[in-house]
């Protein structure tokens, strides 16, 4: 029967705080690498947030222009030519 490896350390260990959560095990090289990578990732994200770079960069400001409905443009081809004969408007009749 093979002997168990006495030097074996798991990558994750149960938390000692009485919860059912697992934590990185710094005694395992992979666990230590995960700890270091997590800290580096958090540091880079904090730097990017502070400098407003990458995904935290504010959107580029575009100049405001009114919608077409508020500022219509008229085509001169569609407009009728004004008549030369005067016609009374309905509001001016007495």
Protein backbone atom coordinates (compact mmCIF):
# COMPACT_ATOMS: atom_id res chain seq x y z
CA UNK A 1 0.00 0.00 0.00
CA UNK A 2 1.45 3.43 -0.98
CA UNK A 3 2.25 5.92 1.74
CA UNK A 4 0.36 9.23 1.67
CA UNK A 5 2.44 12.24 0.77
CA UNK A 6 3.18 14.01 4.07
CA UNK A 7 4.22 17.24 2.32
CA UNK A 8 0.90 17.64 0.50
CA UNK A 9 -0.84 20.94 1.17
CA UNK A 10 -4.17 21.67 -0.55
CA UNK A 11 -4.58 24.85 -2.60
CA UNK A 12 -7.72 25.75 -0.63
CA UNK A 13 -8.27 25.24 3.09
CA UNK A 14 -11.41 25.57 5.14
CA UNK A 15 -11.67 28.89 6.90
CA UNK A 16 -10.79 28.85 10.59
CA UNK A 17 -13.56 31.31 11.38
CA UNK A 18 -16.17 28.59 11.73
CA UNK A 19 -17.75 29.14 8.33
CA UNK A 20 -17.99 26.66 5.49
CA UNK A 21 -15.93 28.90 3.22
CA UNK A 22 -12.56 28.05 1.75
CA UNK A 23 -9.50 30.29 1.62
CA UNK A 24 -6.25 30.27 -0.33
CA UNK A 25 -3.53 28.25 1.36
CA UNK A 26 -0.23 30.18 1.38
CA UNK A 27 1.68 26.98 2.24
CA UNK A 28 0.92 25.69 -1.28
CA UNK A 29 2.81 27.41 -4.13
CA UNK A 30 -0.36 27.63 -6.24
CA UNK A 31 -2.26 29.12 -3.30
CA UNK A 32 0.51 31.69 -2.78
CA UNK A 33 0.44 32.57 -6.49
CA UNK A 34 -3.35 33.06 -6.31
CA UNK A 35 -2.93 35.36 -3.31
CA UNK A 36 -0.32 37.45 -5.11
CA UNK A 37 -2.33 37.57 -8.35
CA UNK A 38 -5.45 38.67 -6.45
CA UNK A 39 -3.54 41.51 -4.78
CA UNK A 40 -1.95 42.63 -8.06
CA UNK A 41 -5.33 42.55 -9.83
CA UNK A 42 -6.96 44.60 -7.06
CA UNK A 43 -4.08 47.11 -7.16
CA UNK A 44 -4.30 47.53 -10.94
CA UNK A 45 -8.07 48.05 -10.74
CA UNK A 46 -7.66 50.68 -8.01
CA UNK A 47 -5.03 52.47 -10.12
CA UNK A 48 -7.29 52.43 -13.21
CA UNK A 49 -10.20 53.79 -11.17
CA UNK A 50 -8.08 56.58 -9.71
CA UNK A 51 -6.67 57.60 -13.10
CA UNK A 52 -10.00 57.07 -14.94
CA UNK A 53 -8.40 54.82 -17.54
CA UNK A 54 -9.51 51.65 -19.32
CA UNK A 55 -13.06 50.57 -18.44
CA UNK A 56 -13.37 53.47 -15.98
CA UNK A 57 -12.73 56.16 -18.60
CA UNK A 58 -15.69 58.56 -18.85
CA UNK A 59 -17.47 58.59 -22.21
CA UNK A 60 -16.39 61.19 -24.72
CA UNK A 61 -18.59 64.29 -24.66
CA UNK A 62 -20.42 64.87 -27.92
CA UNK A 63 -21.79 68.30 -28.85
CA UNK A 64 -25.51 68.70 -28.27
CA UNK A 65 -27.78 69.01 -31.26
CA UNK A 66 -31.56 69.28 -31.13
CA UNK A 67 -33.70 66.46 -32.45
CA UNK A 68 -35.10 66.83 -35.95
CA UNK A 69 -38.63 67.31 -34.58
CA UNK A 70 -37.57 70.41 -32.63
CA UNK A 71 -35.60 71.97 -35.48
CA UNK A 72 -37.34 70.96 -38.70
CA UNK A 73 -35.79 71.68 -42.03
CA UNK A 74 -38.14 72.49 -44.85
CA UNK A 75 -37.64 71.45 -48.40
CA UNK A 76 -38.37 74.29 -50.80
CA UNK A 77 -39.61 71.81 -53.35
CA UNK A 78 -42.52 70.75 -51.18
CA UNK A 79 -43.70 74.22 -50.30
CA UNK A 80 -46.38 75.70 -52.50
CA UNK A 81 -45.75 78.94 -54.29
CA UNK A 82 -47.61 81.82 -52.69
CA UNK A 83 -50.67 82.98 -54.52
CA UNK A 84 -50.80 86.54 -55.78
CA UNK A 85 -54.49 87.00 -55.13
CA UNK A 86 -55.35 88.07 -51.58
CA UNK A 87 -57.66 85.70 -49.75
CA UNK A 88 -59.11 86.43 -46.35
CA UNK A 89 -58.15 84.15 -43.54
CA UNK A 90 -60.93 82.44 -41.57
CA UNK A 91 -60.09 84.38 -38.38
CA UNK A 92 -60.32 87.77 -40.10
CA UNK A 93 -63.91 87.35 -41.31
CA UNK A 94 -66.49 89.42 -39.43
